Amino acid sequence: MKQSEDPIQAQANTAEGKKNSLKAGRVGIALIAIVGGVAFLLYLLIVLSGVLDLPLFGV
């Protein structure tokens, strides 16, 4: 199969394919940022609860 016959490669060469690829990249970056932000907030919650001697989750 030639590279030009590959439907994935053929789509990436069109303007719409490039737009979809950029959109997918932005969605991926947004998801990574959201997960990282939530993890950081949980980290801060745990650290601050230890420093301030606050009961965390009733423990």
N, C-alpha and C. Protein backbone atom coordinates (compact mmCIF):
# COMPACT_ATOMS: atom_id res chain seq x y z
N MET A 1 0.85 -1.18 0.00
CA MET A 1 0.00 0.00 0.00
C MET A 1 0.89 1.24 0.00
N LYS A 2 0.64 2.11 -0.93
CA LYS A 2 1.41 3.35 -1.00
C LYS A 2 0.97 4.30 0.10
N GLN A 3 1.86 5.22 0.42
CA GLN A 3 1.54 6.18 1.47
C GLN A 3 0.32 7.03 1.10
N SER A 4 0.18 7.37 -0.17
CA SER A 4 -0.94 8.20 -0.58
C SER A 4 -2.27 7.44 -0.52
N GLU A 5 -2.22 6.09 -0.52
CA GLU A 5 -3.44 5.30 -0.44
C GLU A 5 -3.91 5.11 1.00
N ASP A 6 -3.06 5.39 1.95
CA ASP A 6 -3.43 5.23 3.36
C ASP A 6 -4.45 6.31 3.72
N PRO A 7 -5.66 5.92 4.15
CA PRO A 7 -6.69 6.94 4.42
C PRO A 7 -6.31 7.91 5.53
N ILE A 8 -5.53 7.46 6.49
CA ILE A 8 -5.12 8.36 7.57
C ILE A 8 -4.17 9.43 7.03
N GLN A 9 -3.21 8.99 6.22
CA GLN A 9 -2.28 9.95 5.62
C GLN A 9 -3.00 10.88 4.66
N ALA A 10 -3.93 10.34 3.90
CA ALA A 10 -4.66 11.15 2.93
C ALA A 10 -5.48 12.22 3.65
N GLN A 11 -6.09 11.87 4.78
CA GLN A 11 -6.88 12.85 5.52
C GLN A 11 -5.98 13.93 6.12
N ALA A 12 -4.80 13.55 6.57
CA ALA A 12 -3.90 14.52 7.21
C ALA A 12 -3.40 15.55 6.21
N ASN A 13 -3.43 15.21 4.92
CA ASN A 13 -2.93 16.15 3.92
C ASN A 13 -3.98 17.17 3.51
N THR A 14 -5.23 16.95 3.87
CA THR A 14 -6.27 17.91 3.52
C THR A 14 -6.34 19.00 4.59
N ALA A 15 -6.94 20.13 4.23
CA ALA A 15 -7.07 21.23 5.20
C ALA A 15 -7.95 20.80 6.37
N GLU A 16 -9.01 20.04 6.07
CA GLU A 16 -9.91 19.59 7.14
C GLU A 16 -9.19 18.59 8.06
N GLY A 17 -8.38 17.74 7.48
CA GLY A 17 -7.63 16.77 8.29
C GLY A 17 -6.65 17.46 9.22
N LYS A 18 -5.99 18.49 8.72
CA LYS A 18 -5.05 19.23 9.56
C LYS A 18 -5.79 19.96 10.68
N LYS A 19 -6.98 20.50 10.36
CA LYS A 19 -7.78 21.20 11.37
C LYS A 19 -8.22 20.22 12.46
N ASN A 20 -8.66 19.02 12.05
CA ASN A 20 -9.07 18.01 13.02
C ASN A 20 -7.90 17.57 13.88
N SER A 21 -6.73 17.47 13.27
CA SER A 21 -5.54 17.06 14.01
C SER A 21 -5.17 18.11 15.06
N LEU A 22 -5.25 19.37 14.69
CA LEU A 22 -4.96 20.45 15.64
C LEU A 22 -5.99 20.46 16.77
N LYS A 23 -7.25 20.22 16.41
CA LYS A 23 -8.32 20.22 17.41
C LYS A 23 -8.09 19.07 18.40
N ALA A 24 -7.71 17.91 17.90
CA ALA A 24 -7.45 16.76 18.78
C ALA A 24 -6.27 17.05 19.70
N GLY A 25 -5.26 17.73 19.18
CA GLY A 25 -4.11 18.09 20.01
C GLY A 25 -4.49 19.05 21.12
N ARG A 26 -5.34 20.01 20.79
CA ARG A 26 -5.79 20.97 21.81
C ARG A 26 -6.63 20.30 22.88
N VAL A 27 -7.48 19.36 22.47
CA VAL A 27 -8.30 18.63 23.44
C VAL A 27 -7.40 17.81 24.35
N GLY A 28 -6.38 17.18 23.78
CA GLY A 28 -5.46 16.39 24.59
C GLY A 28 -4.71 17.24 25.59
N ILE A 29 -4.24 18.39 25.16
CA ILE A 29 -3.52 19.29 26.07
C ILE A 29 -4.46 19.79 27.17
N ALA A 30 -5.71 20.10 26.81
CA ALA A 30 -6.67 20.56 27.82
C ALA A 30 -6.93 19.48 28.86
N LEU A 31 -7.08 18.23 28.42
CA LEU A 31 -7.33 17.13 29.36
C LEU A 31 -6.13 16.93 30.29
N ILE A 32 -4.93 17.00 29.74
CA ILE A 32 -3.73 16.85 30.57
C ILE A 32 -3.65 17.98 31.59
N ALA A 33 -3.97 19.21 31.17
CA ALA A 33 -3.94 20.35 32.09
C ALA A 33 -4.97 20.20 33.20
N ILE A 34 -6.16 19.73 32.85
CA ILE A 34 -7.21 19.55 33.87
C ILE A 34 -6.81 18.49 34.88
N VAL A 35 -6.32 17.36 34.39
CA VAL A 35 -5.90 16.28 35.29
C VAL A 35 -4.75 16.74 36.18
N GLY A 36 -3.80 17.46 35.59
CA GLY A 36 -2.69 17.99 36.38
C GLY A 36 -3.14 18.99 37.42
N GLY A 37 -4.09 19.83 37.06
CA GLY A 37 -4.62 20.80 38.02
C GLY A 37 -5.32 20.14 39.19
N VAL A 38 -6.12 19.13 38.90
CA VAL A 38 -6.82 18.41 39.97
C VAL A 38 -5.82 17.70 40.87
N ALA A 39 -4.81 17.08 40.27
CA ALA A 39 -3.79 16.39 41.06
C ALA A 39 -3.04 17.38 41.96
N PHE A 40 -2.74 18.56 41.43
CA PHE A 40 -2.04 19.57 42.22
C PHE A 40 -2.90 20.05 43.38
N LEU A 41 -4.20 20.25 43.13
CA LEU A 41 -5.10 20.68 44.21
C LEU A 41 -5.20 19.61 45.30
N LEU A 42 -5.25 18.35 44.91
CA LEU A 42 -5.27 17.28 45.91
C LEU A 42 -3.97 17.26 46.71
N TYR A 43 -2.85 17.47 46.01
CA TYR A 43 -1.55 17.52 46.68
C TYR A 43 -1.53 18.65 47.71
N LEU A 44 -2.01 19.84 47.31
CA LEU A 44 -2.05 20.96 48.25
C LEU A 44 -2.95 20.66 49.44
N LEU A 45 -4.09 20.03 49.19
CA LEU A 45 -5.01 19.69 50.27
C LEU A 45 -4.35 18.76 51.27
N ILE A 46 -3.65 17.76 50.77
CA ILE A 46 -2.99 16.79 51.66
C ILE A 46 -1.86 17.46 52.43
N VAL A 47 -1.04 18.26 51.75
CA VAL A 47 0.09 18.92 52.42
C VAL A 47 -0.41 19.91 53.47
N LEU A 48 -1.38 20.73 53.10
CA LEU A 48 -1.89 21.72 54.06
C LEU A 48 -2.60 21.05 55.23
N SER A 49 -3.28 19.96 55.00
CA SER A 49 -3.95 19.28 56.11
C SER A 49 -2.91 18.70 57.07
N GLY A 50 -1.77 18.28 56.55
CA GLY A 50 -0.70 17.77 57.41
C GLY A 50 -0.02 18.89 58.17
N VAL A 51 0.21 20.02 57.52
CA VAL A 51 0.89 21.15 58.16
C VAL A 51 0.00 21.79 59.21
N LEU A 52 -1.27 21.93 58.91
CA LEU A 52 -2.19 22.61 59.82
C LEU A 52 -2.88 21.66 60.79
N ASP A 53 -2.52 20.39 60.75
CA ASP A 53 -3.13 19.36 61.60
C ASP A 53 -4.64 19.32 61.47
N LEU A 54 -5.12 19.43 60.25
CA LEU A 54 -6.55 19.34 60.00
C LEU A 54 -6.92 17.88 59.73
N PRO A 55 -8.06 17.43 60.23
CA PRO A 55 -8.48 16.06 59.91
C PRO A 55 -8.88 15.97 58.44
N LEU A 56 -8.30 15.01 57.74
CA LEU A 56 -8.57 14.84 56.32
C LEU A 56 -9.46 13.63 56.14
N PHE A 57 -10.62 13.82 55.58
CA PHE A 57 -11.59 12.75 55.33
C PHE A 57 -11.97 12.04 56.61
N GLY A 58 -12.04 12.76 57.71
CA GLY A 58 -12.49 12.20 58.97
C GLY A 58 -11.49 11.29 59.66
N VAL A 59 -10.24 11.29 59.21
CA VAL A 59 -9.21 10.40 59.81
C VAL A 59 -8.43 11.18 60.85
